[in-house]
Amino acid sequence: MSAQTNDGTAATPTLAGEPVLSVQDLSVTFPTDDGDVHAVRDISYTLRPREVLGIVGESGSGKSVSSMAVMGLLPGSARITGSIRYRDQELVGRTYKQMMGVRNNGVAMIFQDPMTSLNPVYTIGWQLAEAYRAHHQVSKKAAWAKAVEALELVGIPQPDRRAAQYPHEFSGGMRQRVVIAMAIINDPDVIIADEPTTALDVTVQAQILETLLRIRDETDAGIIMITHDLGVVAGMVDRVQVMYGGTVVESGPVDEVFDRPRMPYTVGLLGSLPNPATLGKKLTPIKGAPPSLINLPHGCAFSPRCPLVAEVCHEAEPPLIQLGGSGHSTRCHRWEHLSGLDNPQQLFATEEIGVVENPAALVQADPDAPVVEDLADVEKRLAEEEK
């Protein structure tokens, strides 16, 4: 029987040791003139050494705010409740200065845009060396050597020469590697990667993800991967949490959540992805928009967009229900009905995306515009031509 974490989710069998990070009932609220913004609502998870946890969801679902709370980087106006424990240390309530001993030393973060993390007027090596000297009493020469070693570890060629260069002399992918080097230079136990592959081409994305997994294997660090790209999650993480409206709506082992989703929102996310296996078939986008975090709807936050909505969904928000002993959990009143459907993707069936209903009219309007036909129509036309 699989061991379970504090929040009921199953630990990966190959993982061992006590959790390096434990988040319990974390909520973050921002007061504004229009009302309180409930950015994060009662989320819980644990992270063990060498484990990769994926957190996915639309923009505004609370993914990044929850990670900033862990790092202690939220503004002073934010109201934070719940518990964030790094090993045996409680982080909630610590001041910015008190967090300096944990930040980048025990818990490090890779930000989405490397240019906002790097100072353009200092060399790469100087910035890495300073990050190391902030937590270690060493000479500048030793810190520089450590910076070169970190650049080599993340796969930057000729690290001794590149360390003397400035951020603008690096490509986007190389700058992201530098940010990863800055995150790992102090050997942290936890690495939080906030959309680390955004704005990078597919080849570079794969290299960055491979680098993170190699760092995990060499340092035994646990990784939290925050992303909206479910393809990244499917190929990298051990467990996944799906967030919507500031809270977790489904979580569990990544294979089980993707193969047997028990929350309509997760079904919609999976169905909205282009997939070569479904070439010519309809995509299933989720209609509507995410809820306002100031005026959340009564009951389930997803109810205004949910194709399975019932009266009970408007009356009360469902609890996070555990489904058996696998660690799979869902926040849905109608998960049993969903589990009985042969093809849940049909719930979000809608007009096709990227398919032109009248290609001739498009060509007349713009002869240079590409014409996209439905694969089924193409096959039908070819069959008729063969006759």
Protein backbone atom coordinates (compact mmCIF):
# COMPACT_ATOMS: atom_id res chain seq x y z
CA MET A 1 0.00 0.00 0.00
CA SER A 2 1.35 3.43 -0.96
CA ALA A 3 2.42 5.78 1.80
CA GLN A 4 0.31 8.90 2.00
CA THR A 5 1.27 12.49 2.63
CA ASN A 6 -0.33 14.70 5.26
CA ASP A 7 -2.94 15.95 2.80
CA GLY A 8 -3.97 12.44 1.83
CA THR A 9 -2.09 12.25 -1.46
CA ALA A 10 0.12 9.29 -2.17
CA ALA A 11 3.86 9.67 -2.14
CA THR A 12 5.76 8.32 -5.12
CA PRO A 13 7.01 4.85 -4.06
CA THR A 14 10.64 5.65 -4.99
CA LEU A 15 10.68 8.75 -2.80
CA ALA A 16 11.88 8.56 0.77
CA GLY A 17 12.41 10.77 3.75
CA GLU A 18 10.38 13.37 5.57
CA PRO A 19 8.77 16.18 3.58
CA VAL A 20 11.08 19.13 2.98
CA LEU A 21 8.08 21.40 2.46
CA SER A 22 4.60 21.10 3.92
CA VAL A 23 1.81 23.56 3.10
CA GLN A 24 -1.43 23.17 5.03
CA ASP A 25 -4.66 25.18 4.60
CA LEU A 26 -2.83 28.11 3.03
CA SER A 27 -4.99 31.14 2.19
CA VAL A 28 -3.90 34.51 0.83
CA THR A 29 -6.18 37.55 0.71
CA PHE A 30 -5.44 41.00 -0.69
CA PRO A 31 -7.61 43.87 0.59
CA THR A 32 -8.63 46.38 -2.11
CA ASP A 33 -11.05 49.29 -2.42
CA ASP A 34 -13.47 47.00 -4.28
CA GLY A 35 -13.29 44.22 -1.69
CA ASP A 36 -11.05 41.37 -0.60
CA VAL A 37 -9.33 39.40 -3.35
CA HIS A 38 -9.28 35.75 -2.26
CA ALA A 39 -6.23 34.81 -4.34
CA VAL A 40 -5.52 31.48 -2.61
CA ARG A 41 -8.07 29.49 -0.62
CA ASP A 42 -7.17 26.58 1.65
CA ILE A 43 -4.58 24.73 -0.41
CA SER A 44 -2.45 21.92 1.01
CA TYR A 45 0.42 19.84 -0.30
CA THR A 46 3.68 18.24 0.75
CA LEU A 47 6.94 17.84 -1.13
CA ARG A 48 9.58 15.21 -0.51
CA PRO A 49 13.20 15.07 -1.69
CA ARG A 50 13.50 14.27 -5.44
CA GLU A 51 9.75 14.65 -5.92
CA VAL A 52 8.33 16.85 -8.70
CA LEU A 53 4.92 18.40 -7.99
CA GLY A 54 3.06 20.10 -10.82
CA ILE A 55 0.63 22.96 -10.18
CA VAL A 56 -1.52 23.84 -13.20
CA GLY A 57 -4.43 26.11 -13.98
CA GLU A 58 -5.51 29.19 -15.91
CA SER A 59 -4.04 32.63 -15.31
CA GLY A 60 -5.46 34.04 -12.09
CA SER A 61 -6.04 30.65 -10.47
CA GLY A 62 -3.59 31.35 -7.63
CA LYS A 63 -0.60 29.29 -8.78
CA SER A 64 2.06 31.99 -8.60
CA VAL A 65 0.62 33.70 -5.51
CA SER A 66 0.88 30.48 -3.53
CA SER A 67 4.55 30.11 -4.51
CA MET A 68 5.29 33.75 -3.64
CA ALA A 69 3.76 33.09 -0.22
CA VAL A 70 6.20 30.21 0.28
CA MET A 71 9.10 32.46 -0.70
CA GLY A 72 7.91 35.30 1.55
CA LEU A 73 7.75 37.71 -1.39
CA LEU A 74 4.16 38.92 -1.07
CA PRO A 75 3.48 42.59 -0.23
CA GLY A 76 2.93 43.53 3.39
CA SER A 77 -0.78 44.13 2.77
CA ALA A 78 -1.37 40.44 2.01
CA ARG A 79 -3.17 38.47 4.72
CA ILE A 80 -1.71 34.97 4.95
CA THR A 81 -3.24 32.20 7.05
CA GLY A 82 -2.46 28.52 7.37
CA SER A 83 0.94 26.87 7.68
CA ILE A 84 4.07 26.73 5.52
CA ARG A 85 6.74 24.53 7.05
CA TYR A 86 10.21 24.15 5.57
CA ARG A 87 11.58 21.11 7.37
CA ASP A 88 10.91 22.02 11.03
CA GLN A 89 10.61 25.79 10.48
CA GLU A 90 7.30 27.65 10.29
CA LEU A 91 7.54 30.33 7.61
CA VAL A 92 4.16 32.05 7.98
CA GLY A 93 4.56 35.19 10.05
CA ARG A 94 8.26 35.65 9.36
CA THR A 95 9.49 39.08 8.30
CA TYR A 96 11.22 39.71 4.98
CA LYS A 97 14.57 39.89 6.77
CA GLN A 98 13.94 36.67 8.70
CA MET A 99 13.15 34.89 5.44
CA MET A 100 16.56 35.76 3.98
CA GLY A 101 18.12 32.76 5.70
CA VAL A 102 15.66 30.41 4.00
CA ARG A 103 15.19 32.13 0.65
CA ASN A 104 17.62 30.84 -2.03
CA ASN A 105 19.40 28.79 0.61
CA GLY A 106 16.72 26.25 1.55
CA VAL A 107 13.96 27.25 -0.87
CA ALA A 108 14.87 28.79 -4.23
CA MET A 109 12.72 30.10 -7.06
CA ILE A 110 13.15 30.24 -10.84
CA PHE A 111 11.12 33.12 -12.19
CA GLN A 112 9.27 33.26 -15.48
CA ASP A 113 11.29 36.04 -17.14
CA PRO A 114 15.07 35.73 -16.66
CA MET A 115 15.65 39.36 -17.63
CA THR A 116 13.78 40.49 -14.51
CA SER A 117 16.02 38.26 -12.38
CA LEU A 118 19.35 39.36 -13.83
CA ASN A 119 20.97 42.78 -13.47
CA PRO A 120 22.07 44.03 -16.92
CA VAL A 121 25.04 46.04 -15.60
CA TYR A 122 26.84 43.17 -13.81
CA THR A 123 28.45 40.09 -15.28
CA ILE A 124 26.80 36.72 -14.92
CA GLY A 125 29.66 35.41 -12.79
CA TRP A 126 29.52 38.40 -10.43
CA GLN A 127 25.79 37.93 -9.86
CA LEU A 128 26.12 34.21 -9.20
CA ALA A 129 29.07 34.77 -6.89
CA GLU A 130 27.15 37.38 -4.90
CA ALA A 131 24.21 34.97 -4.54
CA TYR A 132 26.63 32.42 -3.09
CA ARG A 133 28.45 34.86 -0.80
CA ALA A 134 25.12 36.01 0.65
CA HIS A 135 24.89 32.65 2.43
CA HIS A 136 28.54 31.58 2.76
CA GLN A 137 31.58 33.23 4.30
CA VAL A 138 34.00 32.63 1.43
CA SER A 139 36.47 34.69 -0.60
CA LYS A 140 35.53 36.33 -3.89
CA LYS A 141 37.80 33.89 -5.71
CA ALA A 142 36.07 30.86 -4.16
CA ALA A 143 32.65 32.33 -4.91
CA TRP A 144 33.65 32.93 -8.55
CA ALA A 145 34.80 29.31 -8.82
CA LYS A 146 31.44 28.22 -7.44
CA ALA A 147 29.67 30.40 -10.02
CA VAL A 148 31.62 28.77 -12.86
CA GLU A 149 30.80 25.34 -11.41
CA ALA A 150 27.08 26.20 -11.32
CA LEU A 151 27.14 27.35 -14.96
CA GLU A 152 28.81 24.11 -15.94
CA LEU A 153 26.21 22.12 -14.01
CA VAL A 154 23.34 23.66 -15.99
CA GLY A 155 25.03 22.90 -19.30
CA ILE A 156 26.45 26.27 -20.37
CA PRO A 157 29.51 25.68 -22.61
CA GLN A 158 32.82 27.34 -21.72
CA PRO A 159 31.47 28.43 -18.30
CA ASP A 160 34.70 30.17 -17.27
CA ARG A 161 34.51 32.47 -20.28
CA ARG A 162 30.73 32.96 -20.23
CA ALA A 163 30.84 33.92 -16.54
CA ALA A 164 32.62 37.14 -17.53
CA GLN A 165 29.86 38.13 -19.96
CA TYR A 166 26.70 40.18 -19.40
CA PRO A 167 23.05 39.00 -19.61
CA HIS A 168 22.47 40.65 -23.02
CA GLU A 169 25.22 38.47 -24.49
CA PHE A 170 23.18 35.32 -23.73
CA SER A 171 20.27 33.88 -25.68
CA GLY A 172 16.88 33.46 -24.00
CA GLY A 173 17.48 29.78 -23.30
CA MET A 174 20.95 30.45 -21.92
CA ARG A 175 19.62 33.23 -19.68
CA GLN A 176 17.08 30.78 -18.29
CA ARG A 177 19.90 28.35 -17.56
CA VAL A 178 21.71 31.13 -15.70
CA VAL A 179 18.60 31.71 -13.57
CA ILE A 180 18.51 27.98 -12.82
CA ALA A 181 22.20 28.15 -11.86
CA MET A 182 21.42 31.03 -9.50
CA ALA A 183 18.63 28.98 -7.92
CA ILE A 184 20.81 25.91 -7.31
CA ILE A 185 24.12 27.54 -6.38
CA ASN A 186 23.32 27.27 -2.66
CA ASP A 187 22.12 23.65 -2.91
CA PRO A 188 18.48 24.28 -1.88
CA ASP A 189 16.17 21.50 -0.77
CA VAL A 190 13.22 22.98 -2.72
CA ILE A 191 13.20 24.57 -6.18
CA ILE A 192 10.05 26.41 -7.26
CA ALA A 193 9.95 26.84 -11.04
CA ASP A 194 7.32 29.42 -12.07
CA GLU A 195 6.61 28.86 -15.78
CA PRO A 196 10.34 28.42 -16.58
CA THR A 197 9.78 27.60 -20.27
CA THR A 198 7.49 30.51 -21.21
CA ALA A 199 8.49 32.31 -24.46
CA LEU A 200 11.08 29.64 -25.32
CA ASP A 201 10.91 27.53 -28.45
CA VAL A 202 10.06 23.86 -28.16
CA THR A 203 13.63 22.60 -28.47
CA VAL A 204 14.91 24.95 -25.77
CA GLN A 205 11.93 24.07 -23.55
CA ALA A 206 12.92 20.41 -23.68
CA GLN A 207 16.52 21.29 -22.79
CA ILE A 208 15.44 23.41 -19.82
CA LEU A 209 13.17 20.66 -18.47
CA GLU A 210 15.91 18.10 -18.96
CA THR A 211 18.28 20.37 -17.04
CA LEU A 212 15.83 20.65 -14.13
CA LEU A 213 15.42 16.87 -13.92
CA ARG A 214 19.19 16.38 -14.04
CA ILE A 215 19.60 18.92 -11.22
CA ARG A 216 16.95 17.03 -9.25
CA ASP A 217 18.87 13.78 -9.69
CA GLU A 218 22.22 15.33 -8.73
CA THR A 219 21.07 17.40 -5.74
CA ASP A 220 18.01 15.42 -4.46
CA ALA A 221 16.02 18.66 -4.44
CA GLY A 222 12.24 18.59 -4.57
CA ILE A 223 10.75 20.63 -7.43
CA ILE A 224 7.45 22.48 -7.69
CA MET A 225 6.65 23.08 -11.37
CA ILE A 226 4.09 25.87 -11.89
CA THR A 227 2.77 25.93 -15.44
CA HIS A 228 -0.27 26.17 -17.69
CA ASP A 229 1.30 23.69 -20.14
CA LEU A 230 -0.16 20.26 -19.46
CA GLY A 231 2.37 18.73 -21.85
CA VAL A 232 5.17 19.81 -19.52
CA VAL A 233 3.30 18.33 -16.57
CA ALA A 234 2.61 15.00 -18.28
CA GLY A 235 6.26 14.39 -19.08
CA MET A 236 7.92 15.64 -15.92
CA VAL A 237 5.97 15.57 -12.65
CA ASP A 238 5.11 12.81 -10.19
CA ARG A 239 1.96 14.42 -8.78
CA VAL A 240 -0.23 17.21 -10.08
CA GLN A 241 -2.58 19.75 -8.51
CA VAL A 242 -5.16 21.50 -10.68
CA MET A 243 -6.14 24.95 -9.39
CA TYR A 244 -9.23 26.99 -10.20
CA GLY A 245 -10.67 30.04 -8.50
CA GLY A 246 -7.83 30.16 -5.98
CA THR A 247 -8.18 26.59 -4.72
CA VAL A 248 -7.26 23.02 -5.62
CA VAL A 249 -10.03 21.28 -7.58
CA GLU A 250 -8.23 18.02 -8.35
CA SER A 251 -4.95 16.40 -7.34
CA GLY A 252 -3.21 13.06 -7.43
CA PRO A 253 -0.64 10.99 -9.35
CA VAL A 254 -0.22 12.59 -12.76
CA ASP A 255 -1.03 9.44 -14.77
CA GLU A 256 -4.27 8.85 -12.89
CA VAL A 257 -5.44 12.47 -13.06
CA PHE A 258 -4.76 12.64 -16.80
CA ASP A 259 -6.21 9.21 -17.60
CA ARG A 260 -9.22 9.38 -15.27
CA PRO A 261 -10.06 13.02 -14.48
CA ARG A 262 -12.83 13.38 -11.91
CA MET A 263 -13.40 17.13 -12.19
CA PRO A 264 -15.05 18.70 -15.29
CA TYR A 265 -12.53 21.54 -15.27
CA THR A 266 -9.65 19.07 -15.63
CA VAL A 267 -11.53 17.39 -18.50
CA GLY A 268 -11.86 20.76 -20.19
CA LEU A 269 -8.16 21.57 -19.75
CA LEU A 270 -7.12 18.26 -21.26
CA GLY A 271 -9.58 18.58 -24.13
CA SER A 272 -8.43 22.05 -25.10
CA LEU A 273 -4.93 20.84 -25.97
CA PRO A 274 -3.99 20.22 -29.61
CA ASN A 275 -3.15 16.55 -29.98
CA PRO A 276 -1.72 14.82 -33.08
CA ALA A 277 -3.79 11.75 -32.23
CA THR A 278 -7.00 13.77 -32.70
CA LEU A 279 -6.00 15.51 -35.93
CA GLY A 280 -9.10 16.78 -37.71
CA LYS A 281 -11.33 16.38 -34.68
CA LYS A 282 -12.84 19.14 -32.60
CA LEU A 283 -10.97 20.83 -29.80
CA THR A 284 -13.04 21.32 -26.67
CA PRO A 285 -12.34 24.77 -25.22
CA ILE A 286 -13.95 25.77 -21.94
CA LYS A 287 -16.50 28.49 -22.59
CA GLY A 288 -16.67 31.53 -20.35
CA ALA A 289 -14.02 33.12 -18.15
CA PRO A 290 -12.50 32.38 -14.74
CA PRO A 291 -14.46 33.81 -11.78
CA SER A 292 -13.73 37.10 -10.07
CA LEU A 293 -11.70 36.42 -6.94
CA ILE A 294 -13.52 39.32 -5.27
CA ASN A 295 -17.04 38.04 -5.98
CA LEU A 296 -16.79 34.29 -6.22
CA PRO A 297 -20.00 32.51 -7.28
CA HIS A 298 -22.05 30.70 -4.66
CA GLY A 299 -21.20 27.04 -4.36
CA CYS A 300 -18.65 25.57 -6.74
CA ALA A 301 -16.45 28.23 -8.36
CA PHE A 302 -16.61 26.35 -11.68
CA SER A 303 -20.40 26.02 -11.73
CA PRO A 304 -21.05 28.94 -14.18
CA ARG A 305 -18.93 27.17 -16.82
CA CYS A 306 -19.57 23.54 -15.94
CA PRO A 307 -21.58 21.32 -18.35
CA LEU A 308 -22.51 18.98 -15.48
CA VAL A 309 -23.82 21.70 -13.17
CA ALA A 310 -26.74 20.77 -10.91
CA GLU A 311 -28.67 22.55 -8.17
CA VAL A 312 -26.34 21.26 -5.46
CA CYS A 313 -23.39 22.89 -7.26
CA HIS A 314 -24.90 26.34 -6.65
CA GLU A 315 -25.73 25.64 -3.01
CA ALA A 316 -22.35 24.73 -1.49
CA GLU A 317 -18.73 24.43 -2.54
CA PRO A 318 -17.77 20.74 -2.53
CA PRO A 319 -15.02 19.54 -0.23
CA LEU A 320 -11.85 17.95 -1.58
CA ILE A 321 -12.95 14.31 -1.67
CA GLN A 322 -10.45 11.44 -1.52
CA LEU A 323 -11.08 8.77 -4.16
CA GLY A 324 -9.80 5.47 -2.81
CA GLY A 325 -6.24 4.87 -1.66
CA SER A 326 -4.34 6.10 -4.72
CA GLY A 327 -4.11 9.70 -3.49
CA HIS A 328 -6.49 10.96 -6.18
CA SER A 329 -8.86 13.65 -4.88
CA THR A 330 -11.45 15.94 -6.45
CA ARG A 331 -13.56 18.94 -5.50
CA CYS A 332 -16.74 18.03 -7.36
CA HIS A 333 -20.30 17.10 -6.32
CA ARG A 334 -20.82 15.11 -9.53
CA TRP A 335 -17.58 13.20 -9.85
CA GLU A 336 -19.40 9.85 -9.78
CA HIS A 337 -21.56 10.90 -12.73
CA LEU A 338 -18.43 12.03 -14.55
CA SER A 339 -16.66 8.72 -13.89
CA GLY A 340 -19.55 6.88 -15.59
CA LEU A 341 -19.18 8.71 -18.90
CA ASP A 342 -17.50 6.83 -21.76
CA ASN A 343 -16.20 10.03 -23.38
CA PRO A 344 -16.08 12.96 -20.94
CA GLN A 345 -14.67 15.24 -23.65
CA GLN A 346 -18.11 15.34 -25.26
CA LEU A 347 -19.23 17.51 -22.34
CA PHE A 348 -17.38 20.44 -23.88
CA ALA A 349 -18.28 19.76 -27.53
CA THR A 350 -18.51 23.04 -29.38
CA GLU A 351 -17.74 24.65 -32.73
CA GLU A 352 -14.49 23.57 -34.29
CA ILE A 353 -11.47 25.80 -33.91
CA GLY A 354 -9.19 26.38 -36.87
CA VAL A 355 -11.64 24.93 -39.40
CA VAL A 356 -13.01 27.24 -42.08
CA GLU A 357 -16.62 26.54 -42.99
CA ASN A 358 -16.36 28.25 -46.40
CA PRO A 359 -12.77 28.03 -47.70
CA ALA A 360 -13.71 29.53 -51.07
CA ALA A 361 -14.95 32.74 -49.48
CA LEU A 362 -11.72 33.04 -47.50
CA VAL A 363 -9.57 32.63 -50.61
CA GLN A 364 -11.61 35.28 -52.44
CA ALA A 365 -11.13 37.72 -49.56
CA ASP A 366 -7.43 36.99 -49.15
CA PRO A 367 -5.78 34.74 -51.76
CA ASP A 368 -2.63 34.42 -49.65
CA ALA A 369 -4.45 33.18 -46.53
CA PRO A 370 -3.96 29.48 -45.70
CA VAL A 371 -7.00 27.26 -46.02
CA VAL A 372 -7.59 24.70 -43.25
CA GLU A 373 -9.99 21.88 -43.98
CA ASP A 374 -11.58 19.36 -41.70
CA LEU A 375 -9.73 16.03 -42.02
CA ALA A 376 -13.03 14.17 -42.26
CA ASP A 377 -14.08 16.33 -45.21
CA VAL A 378 -10.72 15.76 -46.91
CA GLU A 379 -11.04 11.98 -46.51
CA LYS A 380 -14.60 12.07 -47.86
CA ARG A 381 -13.57 14.16 -50.89
CA LEU A 382 -10.63 11.85 -51.68
CA ALA A 383 -12.89 8.81 -51.45
CA GLU A 384 -15.34 10.35 -53.88
CA GLU A 385 -12.51 11.23 -56.30
CA GLU A 386 -11.28 7.64 -56.22
CA LYS A 387 -14.74 6.46 -57.28
